[in-house]
């Protein structure tokens, strides 16, 4: 074949056969061999890592999951001490024969991570405890305790005890002056259940308070099986209970309290009668104001006027009596000693919001008393009533009469607080001991009145806590009425009298002394209670059961 024939165009068959082999103009020509590595993948991107560049492999991250999963380095066989076991770490030893108040208070003062393992469930309803109903029962019990004047820490301890008695160990109570809240978390990964309740009305009834404490004690006792329905039934009975003393007994007790207080500051028989009559008139006016719906501030203002008016009237009539003793006795029945002790106790135990609210309540009530007395004293000064502020320096010392008057004051104070009849004798003796110690240190030892008051109040708190631990009840019925003889009634009166006579500096000095005495009472009571909890214990569980049998339970 000639060269010309070789340059001749190929036929359609040949052209189609050649074109079928070429599929793209970017195809690799035949005969060009490109070496390929077996392990390296074919390049598909301009951002691919060049050959020969060694990139260290990053370890695969831990898969995303719950924050409560165990770490990847954790080994169940050799668990380090830094991790808390599921059952908890028993950091403290809480024996069963210790009262539930002390056990729950100890746990509340510990960090959540350091609390001991939960105790076995004492009682379980069918299908497990109904969490909302248990929380509701807990809040209702806490409401009665807080409204009755119990300290915030003791209210939280009672709420904590009720929850744990029904198996709700992951609960956190929170108590303020008017609001109670509790939160329960079933597990670390479940949503918490929270409930709250508002305290709108407050009343003084230590009989009801003791019944609530008895209910909490029975719920915390592993030998007493109280179902949820039974607990609700008993709580309803407690709320419906009538006061143990009728109204006329309370009015008579108010008068006897004022008369006994007037004897403590040097009054005689006529002063006793005048102070009692003035206090009873003030009590009736306070009841009338309460029935009309007036706030408590105005009730105290109205109640403070009749005793002051009685003293001014005796002075204007030129009766040879100590008008200061009459007015001081009337003030004793009005001084808010219970709220003061509870407020200082809340502050000492770390409940500063509740303590501030309680002390503010005390301040308002005290201002109400000041307004009522100052109005009457100012009118008396304008009518030329010769009221002598220096009479405070001439208090006669009659030890036997004063001890008897202090015991009568504590007894009538206990009646005003609606205490159980079984506790009246104990608190009466406690008040007599308090005044005896105060008189021995103040008059015989010539010590400071503030120091003498603090020591006497400390003994009141110590004995009150011992009696409450023996009875497995609240300490308030054994301490509040016993501090009655120590209240700063005379210092308050003479401060107000000096202010009414335009001697402001002297009046402020007396009122400062009254505030110091009040703080000494509150701190002494709290310190005595804490000492008894630290160093004294009730006996074994057999003694506890014997004590319960003597009370009829």
Protein backbone atom coordinates (compact mmCIF):
# COMPACT_ATOMS: atom_id res chain seq x y z
CA UNK A 1 0.00 0.00 0.00
CA UNK A 2 1.37 3.35 -0.97
CA UNK A 3 1.92 6.32 1.38
CA UNK A 4 -0.96 8.08 -0.23
CA UNK A 5 -3.27 5.33 0.78
CA UNK A 6 -1.96 5.51 4.32
CA UNK A 7 -3.00 9.18 4.54
CA UNK A 8 -6.41 8.43 3.19
CA UNK A 9 -9.25 9.02 5.58
CA UNK A 10 -10.45 6.01 7.41
CA UNK A 11 -13.81 4.55 6.86
CA UNK A 12 -16.81 5.21 9.06
CA UNK A 13 -16.48 1.80 10.69
CA UNK A 14 -12.86 2.40 11.60
CA UNK A 15 -13.65 5.93 12.88
CA UNK A 16 -16.49 4.70 15.03
CA UNK A 17 -14.30 1.97 16.48
CA UNK A 18 -11.59 4.44 17.39
CA UNK A 19 -13.99 7.03 18.82
CA UNK A 20 -15.62 4.46 21.09
CA UNK A 21 -12.38 4.03 23.05
CA UNK A 22 -12.01 7.72 23.85
CA UNK A 23 -14.67 8.93 26.34
CA UNK A 24 -13.19 12.24 27.51
CA UNK A 25 -10.63 14.73 26.42
CA UNK A 26 -9.13 14.52 29.94
CA UNK A 27 -8.59 10.77 29.69
CA UNK A 28 -5.03 9.48 30.14
CA UNK A 29 -3.45 8.72 26.76
CA UNK A 30 -2.64 5.15 25.94
CA UNK A 31 0.88 4.21 26.74
CA UNK A 32 1.26 6.66 29.68
CA UNK A 33 1.55 4.64 32.87
CA UNK A 34 0.81 6.41 36.19
CA UNK A 35 2.05 4.54 39.25
CA UNK A 36 -0.57 4.13 41.96
CA UNK A 37 -0.06 3.25 45.61
CA UNK A 38 -2.16 0.39 46.80
CA UNK A 39 -2.92 1.91 50.22
CA UNK A 40 -3.34 5.55 49.21
CA UNK A 41 -6.79 6.44 47.92
CA UNK A 42 -7.26 8.23 44.66
CA UNK A 43 -7.00 12.00 44.97
CA UNK A 44 -10.42 13.57 44.88
CA UNK A 45 -9.82 17.08 46.33
CA UNK A 46 -7.24 19.81 46.14
CA UNK A 47 -7.28 19.94 49.96
CA UNK A 48 -6.08 16.35 50.29
CA UNK A 49 -2.94 15.73 52.37
CA UNK A 50 0.13 15.35 50.13
CA UNK A 51 1.95 12.05 49.98
CA UNK A 52 4.80 11.73 52.43
CA UNK A 53 3.28 14.09 55.07
CA UNK A 54 2.66 12.14 58.27
CA UNK A 55 -0.26 13.54 60.27
CA UNK A 56 -0.69 12.18 63.84
CA UNK A 57 -4.00 10.49 64.40
CA UNK A 58 -6.30 12.30 66.89
CA UNK A 59 -7.94 9.90 69.37
CA UNK A 60 -11.65 9.57 68.95
CA UNK A 61 -13.59 11.79 71.35
CA UNK A 62 -15.80 10.32 74.02
CA UNK A 63 -19.34 9.95 72.69
CA UNK A 64 -21.72 12.63 73.87
CA UNK A 65 -24.06 11.44 76.58
CA UNK A 66 -25.29 12.26 80.10
CA UNK A 67 -23.16 14.40 82.38
CA UNK A 68 -23.67 11.80 85.07
CA UNK A 69 -22.00 8.95 83.10
CA UNK A 70 -18.89 7.49 84.68
CA UNK A 71 -15.63 8.86 83.17
CA UNK A 72 -13.80 6.78 80.52
CA UNK A 73 -10.86 6.27 82.89
CA UNK A 74 -13.08 5.03 85.71
CA UNK A 75 -12.71 1.40 86.74
CA UNK A 76 -15.27 -0.26 88.95
CA UNK A 77 -12.69 -2.66 90.39
CA UNK A 78 -10.25 -0.03 91.52
CA UNK A 79 -12.50 2.95 92.12
CA UNK A 80 -10.53 5.85 93.57
CA UNK A 81 -11.56 7.37 96.88
CA UNK A 82 -12.53 10.61 95.15
CA UNK A 83 -15.79 9.11 93.87
CA UNK A 84 -18.74 8.70 96.23
CA UNK A 85 -20.28 5.23 96.16
CA UNK A 86 -23.97 5.06 95.17
CA UNK A 87 -25.14 4.37 98.72
CA UNK A 88 -23.37 7.43 100.13
CA UNK A 89 -20.55 7.79 102.61
CA UNK A 90 -21.52 7.49 106.28
CA UNK A 91 -19.47 10.49 107.39
CA UNK A 92 -21.07 10.66 110.86
CA UNK A 93 -22.64 8.18 113.19
CA UNK A 94 -26.25 9.00 114.06
CA UNK A 95 -27.52 6.60 116.68
CA UNK A 96 -31.19 5.69 116.84
CA UNK A 97 -31.67 6.65 120.49
CA UNK A 98 -30.85 10.31 119.78
CA UNK A 99 -34.01 12.43 119.36
CA UNK A 100 -35.06 13.01 115.78
CA UNK A 101 -34.54 16.78 116.21
CA UNK A 102 -30.82 16.26 116.81
CA UNK A 103 -30.41 13.70 114.03
CA UNK A 104 -32.19 15.80 111.41
CA UNK A 105 -30.52 19.02 112.57
CA UNK A 106 -27.10 17.34 112.26
CA UNK A 107 -27.87 16.23 108.70
CA UNK A 108 -29.21 19.64 107.68
CA UNK A 109 -26.01 21.30 108.91
CA UNK A 110 -23.91 18.99 106.72
CA UNK A 111 -23.14 19.40 103.06
CA UNK A 112 -25.39 17.38 100.73
CA UNK A 113 -22.41 15.36 99.47
CA UNK A 114 -21.36 14.46 103.02
CA UNK A 115 -24.68 13.27 104.37
CA UNK A 116 -24.75 9.64 105.48
CA UNK A 117 -26.48 6.93 103.53
CA UNK A 118 -30.28 7.12 103.76
CA UNK A 119 -31.92 5.00 106.38
CA UNK A 120 -34.16 2.14 105.28
CA UNK A 121 -37.68 3.17 104.37
CA UNK A 122 -39.80 2.91 107.48
CA UNK A 123 -43.13 2.58 105.74
CA UNK A 124 -44.06 2.27 102.12
CA UNK A 125 -47.56 2.64 100.76
CA UNK A 126 -48.82 0.27 98.09
CA UNK A 127 -47.02 1.10 94.87
CA UNK A 128 -44.52 3.35 96.68
CA UNK A 129 -45.04 6.65 98.48
CA UNK A 130 -47.19 9.23 96.71
CA UNK A 131 -44.63 12.00 96.33
CA UNK A 132 -47.06 14.96 95.96
CA UNK A 133 -49.09 13.90 98.99
CA UNK A 134 -45.97 13.35 101.12
CA UNK A 135 -44.71 16.80 100.17
CA UNK A 136 -48.12 18.32 100.95
CA UNK A 137 -48.18 16.65 104.38
CA UNK A 138 -44.66 17.89 105.02
CA UNK A 139 -45.57 21.47 104.14
CA UNK A 140 -48.70 21.43 106.32
CA UNK A 141 -46.69 20.21 109.30
CA UNK A 142 -44.05 22.85 108.69
CA UNK A 143 -46.74 25.53 108.43
CA UNK A 144 -48.13 24.73 111.87
CA UNK A 145 -44.66 24.73 113.42
CA UNK A 146 -43.61 28.02 111.83
CA UNK A 147 -46.91 29.72 112.63
CA UNK A 148 -46.57 28.55 116.25
CA UNK A 149 -43.24 30.36 116.68
CA UNK A 150 -40.78 27.52 116.13
CA UNK A 151 -37.31 28.41 114.82
CA UNK A 152 -36.58 28.02 111.12
CA UNK A 153 -33.94 25.33 111.69
CA UNK A 154 -36.28 23.21 113.80
CA UNK A 155 -39.00 23.57 111.16
CA UNK A 156 -36.62 22.38 108.45
CA UNK A 157 -35.53 19.47 110.67
CA UNK A 158 -39.16 18.41 111.14
CA UNK A 159 -39.87 18.65 107.40
CA UNK A 160 -36.73 16.65 106.63
CA UNK A 161 -37.75 13.99 109.14
CA UNK A 162 -41.23 13.60 107.64
CA UNK A 163 -39.86 13.19 104.10
CA UNK A 164 -37.24 10.63 105.13
CA UNK A 165 -39.77 8.66 107.14
CA UNK A 166 -41.65 8.01 103.88
CA UNK A 167 -38.53 7.16 101.89
CA UNK A 168 -37.96 10.53 100.21
CA UNK A 169 -34.30 10.94 101.11
CA UNK A 170 -33.34 13.33 98.28
CA UNK A 171 -35.35 16.25 99.62
CA UNK A 172 -34.31 19.79 100.47
CA UNK A 173 -36.61 21.94 102.67
CA UNK A 174 -36.36 25.72 102.65
CA UNK A 175 -38.02 27.92 105.29
CA UNK A 176 -38.35 31.69 105.39
CA UNK A 177 -40.54 33.93 107.51
CA UNK A 178 -43.69 33.51 105.40
CA UNK A 179 -42.84 30.86 102.80
CA UNK A 180 -42.09 27.15 103.04
CA UNK A 181 -40.79 25.21 100.08
CA UNK A 182 -39.52 21.68 99.58
CA UNK A 183 -37.91 20.02 96.58
CA UNK A 184 -37.57 16.29 95.98
CA UNK A 185 -35.39 14.78 93.23
CA UNK A 186 -36.07 11.08 92.56
CA UNK A 187 -32.63 10.55 91.00
CA UNK A 188 -29.73 12.52 89.62
CA UNK A 189 -31.10 12.44 86.08
CA UNK A 190 -34.81 13.07 86.81
CA UNK A 191 -36.55 16.39 87.17
CA UNK A 192 -37.19 17.52 90.76
CA UNK A 193 -40.67 17.88 92.24
CA UNK A 194 -41.14 21.17 94.10
CA UNK A 195 -44.00 22.40 96.28
CA UNK A 196 -44.47 25.49 98.44
CA UNK A 197 -46.89 26.91 100.98
CA UNK A 198 -47.40 30.41 102.38
CA UNK A 199 -47.89 31.14 106.10
CA UNK A 200 -50.43 33.95 106.34
CA UNK A 201 -51.66 33.67 109.92
CA UNK A 202 -49.71 33.20 113.12
CA UNK A 203 -50.96 32.22 116.52
CA UNK A 204 -49.57 31.25 119.90
CA UNK A 205 -50.73 27.80 120.93
CA UNK A 206 -48.01 25.61 122.39
CA UNK A 207 -50.48 22.77 122.95
CA UNK A 208 -50.93 22.49 119.19
CA UNK A 209 -47.15 22.83 118.76
CA UNK A 210 -46.53 19.93 121.14
CA UNK A 211 -49.08 17.78 119.28
CA UNK A 212 -47.34 18.44 115.96
CA UNK A 213 -44.00 17.48 117.48
CA UNK A 214 -45.55 14.28 118.79
CA UNK A 215 -46.82 13.47 115.29
CA UNK A 216 -43.36 14.01 113.78
CA UNK A 217 -41.85 11.89 116.56
CA UNK A 218 -44.22 9.02 115.77
CA UNK A 219 -43.49 9.31 112.05
CA UNK A 220 -39.74 9.14 112.74
CA UNK A 221 -40.01 6.20 115.12
CA UNK A 222 -39.31 2.89 113.28
CA UNK A 223 -41.57 1.04 115.73
CA UNK A 224 -44.59 3.26 115.15
CA UNK A 225 -46.16 2.60 111.75
CA UNK A 226 -48.21 5.62 110.75
CA UNK A 227 -49.70 5.51 107.27
CA UNK A 228 -50.14 8.58 105.13
CA UNK A 229 -53.90 8.60 105.66
CA UNK A 230 -53.47 8.26 109.42
CA UNK A 231 -50.99 11.15 109.45
CA UNK A 232 -53.46 13.34 107.56
CA UNK A 233 -56.23 12.40 109.99
CA UNK A 234 -54.12 13.26 113.05
CA UNK A 235 -53.02 16.53 111.46
CA UNK A 236 -56.64 17.51 110.83
CA UNK A 237 -57.48 16.78 114.49
CA UNK A 238 -54.57 18.94 115.60
CA UNK A 239 -55.80 21.85 113.49
CA UNK A 240 -59.34 21.52 114.87
CA UNK A 241 -58.26 21.36 118.51
CA UNK A 242 -59.66 24.06 120.74
CA UNK A 243 -57.40 26.11 122.97
CA UNK A 244 -56.96 24.53 126.42
CA UNK A 245 -57.86 27.75 128.27
CA UNK A 246 -60.96 29.94 127.75
CA UNK A 247 -60.79 33.67 127.10
CA UNK A 248 -61.56 34.76 130.67
CA UNK A 249 -58.69 32.64 131.98
CA UNK A 250 -56.32 34.35 129.54
CA UNK A 251 -57.50 37.77 130.68
CA UNK A 252 -57.04 36.83 134.32
CA UNK A 253 -53.59 35.42 133.56
CA UNK A 254 -52.63 38.68 131.87
CA UNK A 255 -53.59 40.61 134.99
CA UNK A 256 -51.74 38.26 137.35
CA UNK A 257 -48.67 38.43 135.13
CA UNK A 258 -48.64 42.23 135.32
CA UNK A 259 -49.13 42.13 139.09
CA UNK A 260 -46.30 39.66 139.58
CA UNK A 261 -44.01 41.78 137.40
CA UNK A 262 -44.82 44.86 139.48
CA UNK A 263 -43.73 43.00 142.62
CA UNK A 264 -40.41 42.14 140.95
CA UNK A 265 -39.60 45.85 140.58
CA UNK A 266 -40.54 46.79 144.15
CA UNK A 267 -44.33 47.12 144.18
CA UNK A 268 -46.65 46.26 147.05
CA UNK A 269 -50.20 44.96 147.34
CA UNK A 270 -51.86 48.10 145.98
CA UNK A 271 -49.42 48.21 143.08
CA UNK A 272 -50.18 44.56 142.38
CA UNK A 273 -53.91 45.24 142.11
CA UNK A 274 -53.47 48.41 140.03
CA UNK A 275 -51.11 46.71 137.57
CA UNK A 276 -53.43 43.70 137.27
CA UNK A 277 -56.48 45.87 136.56
CA UNK A 278 -54.62 47.95 133.98
CA UNK A 279 -53.29 44.85 132.20
CA UNK A 280 -56.74 43.22 132.08
CA UNK A 281 -58.27 46.38 130.61
CA UNK A 282 -55.50 46.46 128.01
CA UNK A 283 -56.09 42.81 127.18
CA UNK A 284 -59.81 43.40 126.62
CA UNK A 285 -59.10 46.38 124.40
CA UNK A 286 -56.64 44.31 122.39
CA UNK A 287 -59.25 41.57 121.92
CA UNK A 288 -61.78 44.19 120.80
CA UNK A 289 -59.29 45.64 118.29
CA UNK A 290 -58.49 42.17 116.97
CA UNK A 291 -62.19 41.49 116.49
CA UNK A 292 -62.45 44.68 114.45
CA UNK A 293 -59.67 43.49 112.18
CA UNK A 294 -57.01 46.02 113.22
CA UNK A 295 -53.39 45.03 112.57
CA UNK A 296 -51.30 43.73 115.44
CA UNK A 297 -49.35 46.99 115.66
CA UNK A 298 -52.47 48.91 116.75
CA UNK A 299 -53.50 46.11 119.08
CA UNK A 300 -50.25 46.53 121.01
CA UNK A 301 -50.64 50.32 120.97
CA UNK A 302 -54.11 50.11 122.49
CA UNK A 303 -53.13 47.43 125.02
CA UNK A 304 -50.23 49.55 126.32
CA UNK A 305 -52.40 52.54 127.19
CA UNK A 306 -54.47 51.30 130.21
CA UNK A 307 -51.48 50.26 132.42
CA UNK A 308 -49.77 53.59 131.72
CA UNK A 309 -53.01 55.44 132.37
CA UNK A 310 -53.43 53.59 135.68
CA UNK A 311 -49.98 54.66 136.85
CA UNK A 312 -50.53 58.27 135.81
CA UNK A 313 -53.95 58.33 137.52
CA UNK A 314 -52.48 57.10 140.83
CA UNK A 315 -49.80 59.78 140.62
CA UNK A 316 -52.33 62.53 139.94
CA UNK A 317 -54.42 61.25 142.88
CA UNK A 318 -51.33 61.58 145.11
CA UNK A 319 -51.52 57.94 146.17
CA UNK A 320 -48.31 56.84 147.84
CA UNK A 321 -47.42 54.06 145.41
CA UNK A 322 -44.72 53.51 142.82
CA UNK A 323 -46.35 54.48 139.56
CA UNK A 324 -43.27 53.16 137.75
CA UNK A 325 -43.96 49.66 139.12
CA UNK A 326 -47.56 49.80 137.90
CA UNK A 327 -46.58 50.81 134.38
CA UNK A 328 -43.63 48.40 134.26
CA UNK A 329 -45.86 45.50 135.28
CA UNK A 330 -48.29 46.30 132.49
CA UNK A 331 -45.46 46.36 129.96
CA UNK A 332 -44.25 42.88 130.95
CA UNK A 333 -47.39 41.30 129.54
CA UNK A 334 -46.81 42.96 126.16
CA UNK A 335 -43.09 42.59 125.49
CA UNK A 336 -42.60 40.19 122.54
CA UNK A 337 -40.07 37.90 124.20
CA UNK A 338 -41.09 34.83 122.20
CA UNK A 339 -40.53 36.50 118.81
CA UNK A 340 -37.26 38.02 120.02
CA UNK A 341 -35.79 34.69 121.11
CA UNK A 342 -36.88 33.01 117.88
CA UNK A 343 -35.41 35.82 115.77
CA UNK A 344 -32.01 35.77 117.46
CA UNK A 345 -31.95 31.96 117.32
CA UNK A 346 -32.58 32.05 113.55
CA UNK A 347 -29.73 34.51 113.14
CA UNK A 348 -27.32 32.40 115.18
CA UNK A 349 -28.15 29.30 113.16
CA UNK A 350 -27.63 30.98 109.77
CA UNK A 351 -31.22 31.81 108.74
CA UNK A 352 -30.54 35.51 108.26
CA UNK A 353 -33.57 36.35 106.12
CA UNK A 354 -35.98 34.82 108.61
CA UNK A 355 -34.07 36.35 111.53
CA UNK A 356 -34.28 39.80 109.94
CA UNK A 357 -38.01 39.44 109.39
CA UNK A 358 -38.63 38.26 112.96
CA UNK A 359 -36.54 41.07 114.46
CA UNK A 360 -38.35 43.57 112.25
CA UNK A 361 -41.63 42.18 113.61
CA UNK A 362 -40.32 42.64 117.15
CA UNK A 363 -39.31 46.21 116.29
CA UNK A 364 -42.77 47.05 114.97
CA UNK A 365 -44.49 45.58 118.03
CA UNK A 366 -42.09 47.43 120.31
CA UNK A 367 -42.77 50.69 118.49
CA UNK A 368 -46.48 50.07 118.98
CA UNK A 369 -45.93 49.71 122.73
CA UNK A 370 -43.77 52.85 122.72
CA UNK A 371 -46.45 54.88 120.95
CA UNK A 372 -49.18 53.79 123.36
CA UNK A 373 -47.14 54.46 126.50
CA UNK A 374 -45.66 57.73 125.23
CA UNK A 375 -49.10 59.16 124.45
CA UNK A 376 -50.28 58.51 128.00
CA UNK A 377 -47.04 59.66 129.62
CA UNK A 378 -47.02 62.85 127.59
CA UNK A 379 -50.57 63.63 128.72
CA UNK A 380 -49.55 62.89 132.31
CA UNK A 381 -46.58 65.24 132.10
CA UNK A 382 -48.84 67.96 130.69
CA UNK A 383 -51.17 67.42 133.67
CA UNK A 384 -48.21 67.88 136.09
CA UNK A 385 -47.97 64.23 137.07
CA UNK A 386 -44.73 63.86 139.04
CA UNK A 387 -43.17 60.79 137.41
CA UNK A 388 -39.58 60.30 138.52
CA UNK A 389 -37.14 58.53 136.16
CA UNK A 390 -34.59 58.20 139.00
CA UNK A 391 -36.88 55.70 140.75
CA UNK A 392 -35.13 53.04 138.71
CA UNK A 393 -32.18 53.23 141.10
CA UNK A 394 -34.21 52.37 144.23
CA UNK A 395 -35.54 48.84 143.65
CA UNK A 396 -36.16 47.13 146.99
CA UNK A 397 -34.65 43.70 147.52
CA UNK A 398 -37.12 41.12 148.86
CA UNK A 399 -35.72 37.75 147.71
CA UNK A 400 -38.55 35.47 148.85
CA UNK A 401 -41.31 37.72 147.52
CA UNK A 402 -39.48 38.23 144.25
CA UNK A 403 -38.85 34.50 143.75
CA UNK A 404 -42.53 33.80 144.36
CA UNK A 405 -43.51 36.61 141.99
CA UNK A 406 -41.16 35.26 139.30
CA UNK A 407 -42.73 31.81 139.55
CA UNK A 408 -46.23 33.32 139.33
CA UNK A 409 -45.12 35.34 136.30
CA UNK A 410 -43.80 32.22 134.55
CA UNK A 411 -46.98 30.29 135.37
CA UNK A 412 -49.29 32.97 133.97
CA UNK A 413 -47.03 33.44 130.95
CA UNK A 414 -47.35 29.70 130.25
CA UNK A 415 -51.14 30.02 130.38
CA UNK A 416 -51.05 32.93 127.91
CA UNK A 417 -48.97 30.77 125.56
CA UNK A 418 -51.67 28.04 125.71
CA UNK A 419 -49.26 25.42 127.02
CA UNK A 420 -50.21 21.92 128.06
CA UNK A 421 -51.14 21.61 131.70
CA UNK A 422 -48.45 18.97 132.17
CA UNK A 423 -45.71 21.47 131.27
CA UNK A 424 -46.87 24.39 133.43
CA UNK A 425 -45.23 23.14 136.65
CA UNK A 426 -41.87 22.51 134.98
CA UNK A 427 -41.73 25.92 133.35
CA UNK A 428 -42.80 27.58 136.62
CA UNK A 429 -39.87 26.01 138.46
CA UNK A 430 -37.56 26.92 135.59
CA UNK A 431 -38.60 30.58 135.87
CA UNK A 432 -37.97 30.56 139.61
CA UNK A 433 -34.48 29.16 139.08
CA UNK A 434 -33.78 31.83 136.45
CA UNK A 435 -34.71 34.69 138.78
CA UNK A 436 -32.79 33.14 141.69
CA UNK A 437 -29.60 32.99 139.61
CA UNK A 438 -30.16 36.51 138.29
CA UNK A 439 -30.81 37.93 141.77
CA UNK A 440 -27.77 36.20 143.27
CA UNK A 441 -25.47 37.55 140.57
CA UNK A 442 -27.03 41.01 140.23
CA UNK A 443 -27.83 42.00 143.82
CA UNK A 444 -25.61 39.78 145.93
CA UNK A 445 -22.62 39.58 143.59
CA UNK A 446 -23.12 43.14 142.26
CA UNK A 447 -22.40 42.02 138.69
CA UNK A 448 -23.51 43.60 135.45
CA UNK A 449 -27.26 43.18 134.72
CA UNK A 450 -26.47 42.12 131.16
CA UNK A 451 -24.06 39.38 132.29
CA UNK A 452 -26.46 38.23 135.02
CA UNK A 453 -29.32 38.07 132.52
CA UNK A 454 -27.23 36.11 130.01
CA UNK A 455 -26.20 33.47 132.58
CA UNK A 456 -29.76 33.09 133.90
CA UNK A 457 -31.13 32.79 130.35
CA UNK A 458 -28.44 30.22 129.56
CA UNK A 459 -29.65 28.05 132.43
CA UNK A 460 -33.22 28.45 131.20
CA UNK A 461 -32.17 27.21 127.76
CA UNK A 462 -30.17 24.33 129.25
CA UNK A 463 -32.94 23.09 131.53
CA UNK A 464 -35.57 23.63 128.86
CA UNK A 465 -33.61 21.58 126.36
CA UNK A 466 -33.10 18.80 128.92
CA UNK A 467 -36.82 18.66 129.66
CA UNK A 468 -37.71 18.66 125.97
CA UNK A 469 -35.21 15.88 125.22
CA UNK A 470 -36.61 13.82 128.06
CA UNK A 471 -40.12 14.25 126.68
CA UNK A 472 -39.03 14.14 123.01
CA UNK A 473 -40.90 17.39 122.41
CA UNK A 474 -40.25 21.02 121.48
CA UNK A 475 -38.12 23.13 123.81
CA UNK A 476 -40.22 26.28 123.38
CA UNK A 477 -42.86 25.40 126.04
CA UNK A 478 -40.07 24.93 128.60
CA UNK A 479 -38.05 28.07 127.81
CA UNK A 480 -40.29 30.88 126.53
CA UNK A 481 -42.38 31.35 129.68
CA UNK A 482 -39.35 30.86 131.94
CA UNK A 483 -37.59 33.93 130.52
CA UNK A 484 -40.56 36.13 131.43
CA UNK A 485 -39.03 37.39 134.71
CA UNK A 486 -35.88 38.44 132.85
CA UNK A 487 -37.58 40.63 130.23
CA UNK A 488 -36.42 44.29 130.31
CA UNK A 489 -39.71 45.88 131.32
CA UNK A 490 -38.34 48.49 133.74
CA UNK A 491 -35.57 49.65 131.40
CA UNK A 492 -38.13 50.05 128.62
CA UNK A 493 -40.48 52.11 130.80
CA UNK A 494 -37.84 54.46 132.17
CA UNK A 495 -36.47 55.04 128.67
CA UNK A 496 -39.91 56.01 127.43
CA UNK A 497 -40.51 58.21 130.49
CA UNK A 498 -37.26 60.09 129.94
CA UNK A 499 -38.14 60.69 126.30
CA UNK A 500 -41.58 61.98 127.33
CA UNK A 501 -39.86 64.46 129.67
CA UNK A 502 -37.56 65.69 126.87
CA UNK A 503 -34.52 63.90 128.28
CA UNK A 504 -33.69 62.13 125.04
CA UNK A 505 -30.12 61.18 125.94
CA UNK A 506 -31.15 59.48 129.15
CA UNK A 507 -34.06 57.79 127.38
CA UNK A 508 -31.85 56.40 124.64
CA UNK A 509 -29.45 55.10 127.28
CA UNK A 510 -32.28 53.18 128.99
CA UNK A 511 -33.59 51.85 125.68
CA UNK A 512 -30.07 50.73 124.71
CA UNK A 513 -29.86 48.88 128.00
CA UNK A 514 -33.21 47.24 127.28
CA UNK A 515 -31.98 46.12 123.86
CA UNK A 516 -28.78 44.72 125.41
CA UNK A 517 -30.79 42.77 127.99
CA UNK A 518 -33.07 41.40 125.27
CA UNK A 519 -30.09 40.22 123.20
CA UNK A 520 -28.52 38.68 126.31
CA UNK A 521 -31.72 36.70 126.94
CA UNK A 522 -31.92 35.42 123.38
CA UNK A 523 -28.24 34.52 123.08
CA UNK A 524 -28.21 32.90 126.54
CA UNK A 525 -31.22 30.70 125.72
CA UNK A 526 -29.70 29.61 122.41
CA UNK A 527 -26.28 28.94 123.95
CA UNK A 528 -27.78 26.83 126.72
CA UNK A 529 -29.67 24.78 124.15
CA UNK A 530 -26.57 24.22 122.01
CA UNK A 531 -24.52 23.14 125.05
CA UNK A 532 -27.12 20.55 125.98
CA UNK A 533 -27.09 19.16 122.42
CA UNK A 534 -23.30 18.96 122.32
CA UNK A 535 -22.52 17.33 125.65
CA UNK A 536 -25.68 15.66 126.89
CA UNK A 537 -27.53 12.65 125.52
CA UNK A 538 -30.70 10.84 126.32
CA UNK A 539 -30.35 7.19 127.23
CA UNK A 540 -30.97 4.11 125.18
CA UNK A 541 -33.87 3.20 122.96
CA UNK A 542 -35.44 1.28 125.86
CA UNK A 543 -35.68 4.52 127.84
CA UNK A 544 -37.22 6.19 124.84
CA UNK A 545 -39.91 3.52 124.56
CA UNK A 546 -40.56 3.74 128.29
CA UNK A 547 -40.97 7.50 128.04
CA UNK A 548 -43.47 7.05 125.20
CA UNK A 549 -45.47 4.54 127.26
CA UNK A 550 -45.71 6.94 130.18
CA UNK A 551 -47.31 9.49 127.87
CA UNK A 552 -49.97 7.03 126.82
CA UNK A 553 -48.72 6.31 123.31
